[in-house]
Amino acid sequence: MFSFTRLFFGILLSASAVNAQVRLNRKIIEFGVVKAGEAHIATVTITTVGVKQIDVQRADVSCTSCTVVQMTPTTLAPGEKLKASIRFAPPIGESGFVQRDVAFITSDSPALPPKV
């Protein structure tokens, strides 16, 4: 059995939190215990909170063999939202506590993206 306890979401922006142009609705996802070979899926919402449009270009993952993000790159007007589906499936043979990261690359903060 594979024990996956937490997938952390952290927002890192090149501007201060007051000037941030995008926000994630969740910072932590806890899947609990996940058996190797099984998949768990969570949804994250990205929202533009500033006064300019933001390009959501892609999502980079820290584990390409176990984490997949499904979303459509798009341009969001102020107040618009984009849902991203995060699928985690631990490979057979891996066990213990695991933390994975997903970074959303946007035109707002390409150097320090909102991080899942």
Protein backbone atom coordinates (compact mmCIF):
# COMPACT_ATOMS: atom_id res chain seq x y z
CA MET A 1 0.00 0.00 0.00
CA PHE A 2 1.22 3.47 -0.83
CA SER A 3 0.83 6.18 1.77
CA PHE A 4 0.35 9.58 0.20
CA THR A 5 -0.57 12.08 2.84
CA ARG A 6 -0.46 15.57 1.38
CA LEU A 7 -0.12 17.46 -1.84
CA PHE A 8 0.80 21.00 -0.90
CA PHE A 9 -0.41 24.11 -2.68
CA GLY A 10 1.59 27.27 -2.12
CA ILE A 11 1.25 30.53 -3.92
CA LEU A 12 4.52 32.16 -4.87
CA LEU A 13 4.21 35.39 -6.78
CA SER A 14 6.74 37.88 -8.05
CA ALA A 15 4.65 40.67 -6.53
CA SER A 16 3.49 40.97 -2.95
CA ALA A 17 0.24 39.24 -1.93
CA VAL A 18 -1.50 42.62 -2.10
CA ASN A 19 -0.54 43.04 -5.77
CA ALA A 20 -1.05 39.41 -6.81
CA GLN A 21 -3.03 39.02 -10.03
CA VAL A 22 -3.95 35.31 -9.68
CA ARG A 23 -5.12 33.17 -6.78
CA LEU A 24 -5.67 29.46 -6.21
CA ASN A 25 -8.75 28.32 -4.29
CA ARG A 26 -6.85 25.57 -2.45
CA LYS A 27 -3.40 25.46 -0.88
CA ILE A 28 -3.39 21.88 0.41
CA ILE A 29 -4.94 18.69 -0.89
CA GLU A 30 -4.80 15.63 1.34
CA PHE A 31 -5.50 12.39 -0.48
CA GLY A 32 -4.87 10.18 2.57
CA VAL A 33 -3.71 6.63 1.86
CA VAL A 34 -3.44 5.80 -1.83
CA LYS A 35 -2.58 2.32 -3.10
CA ALA A 36 0.11 2.03 -5.74
CA GLY A 37 -1.47 2.02 -9.19
CA GLU A 38 -4.65 3.81 -8.06
CA ALA A 39 -5.43 7.37 -9.08
CA HIS A 40 -6.92 10.22 -7.08
CA ILE A 41 -8.13 13.44 -8.70
CA ALA A 42 -8.63 16.94 -7.27
CA THR A 43 -9.72 20.19 -8.88
CA VAL A 44 -8.06 23.57 -8.38
CA THR A 45 -9.55 26.89 -9.50
CA ILE A 46 -7.28 29.69 -10.71
CA THR A 47 -8.88 33.15 -10.51
CA THR A 48 -7.65 36.50 -11.80
CA VAL A 49 -8.07 39.08 -9.04
CA GLY A 50 -6.33 42.07 -10.59
CA VAL A 51 -7.39 44.60 -13.20
CA LYS A 52 -5.55 43.14 -16.18
CA GLN A 53 -5.92 39.93 -18.17
CA ILE A 54 -3.61 37.04 -17.34
CA ASP A 55 -2.33 34.28 -19.63
CA VAL A 56 -2.33 30.87 -17.92
CA GLN A 57 0.25 29.11 -20.06
CA ARG A 58 0.88 25.66 -18.55
CA ALA A 59 1.39 23.64 -15.40
CA ASP A 60 4.77 22.15 -14.48
CA VAL A 61 4.84 19.13 -12.14
CA SER A 62 7.60 17.87 -9.86
CA CYS A 63 6.83 14.23 -10.69
CA THR A 64 6.00 13.62 -14.34
CA SER A 65 5.51 9.87 -13.81
CA CYS A 66 2.85 10.23 -11.10
CA THR A 67 1.20 13.66 -11.44
CA VAL A 68 -0.77 14.94 -14.44
CA VAL A 69 -2.53 18.31 -14.73
CA GLN A 70 -5.35 18.70 -17.22
CA MET A 71 -6.20 22.27 -18.18
CA THR A 72 -6.50 24.36 -21.29
CA PRO A 73 -4.00 27.22 -21.60
CA THR A 74 -6.06 30.37 -21.86
CA THR A 75 -6.25 34.10 -21.28
CA LEU A 76 -8.40 35.10 -18.32
CA ALA A 77 -10.03 38.52 -18.05
CA PRO A 78 -10.29 40.13 -14.60
CA GLY A 79 -12.57 38.02 -12.39
CA GLU A 80 -12.54 34.98 -14.71
CA LYS A 81 -11.71 31.49 -13.46
CA LEU A 82 -10.02 28.39 -14.86
CA LYS A 83 -10.39 24.90 -13.43
CA ALA A 84 -7.43 22.53 -13.48
CA SER A 85 -7.72 18.82 -12.72
CA ILE A 86 -4.77 17.28 -10.86
CA ARG A 87 -4.41 13.50 -11.08
CA PHE A 88 -2.05 11.68 -8.74
CA ALA A 89 -1.26 7.98 -9.24
CA PRO A 90 1.75 6.62 -7.33
CA PRO A 91 3.88 4.13 -9.24
CA ILE A 92 4.08 0.53 -8.05
CA GLY A 93 6.95 0.11 -5.62
CA GLU A 94 6.85 3.63 -4.18
CA SER A 95 5.73 4.02 -0.59
CA GLY A 96 5.82 6.41 2.35
CA PHE A 97 5.00 10.07 2.77
CA VAL A 98 5.09 11.98 -0.50
CA GLN A 99 4.76 15.65 -1.36
CA ARG A 100 4.34 16.73 -4.97
CA ASP A 101 4.29 20.24 -6.44
CA VAL A 102 2.44 21.75 -9.37
CA ALA A 103 3.45 25.22 -10.59
CA PHE A 104 1.04 27.18 -12.78
CA ILE A 105 3.03 29.30 -15.24
CA THR A 106 1.24 32.60 -15.92
CA SER A 107 2.05 35.95 -17.52
CA ASP A 108 1.61 37.51 -14.04
CA SER A 109 4.52 35.72 -12.43
CA PRO A 110 6.61 33.65 -14.84
CA ALA A 111 9.67 33.67 -12.57
CA LEU A 112 7.78 32.75 -9.37
CA PRO A 113 4.54 31.03 -10.40
CA PRO A 114 1.57 30.11 -8.21
CA LYS A 115 2.60 26.72 -6.89
CA VAL A 116 0.48 23.68 -6.07
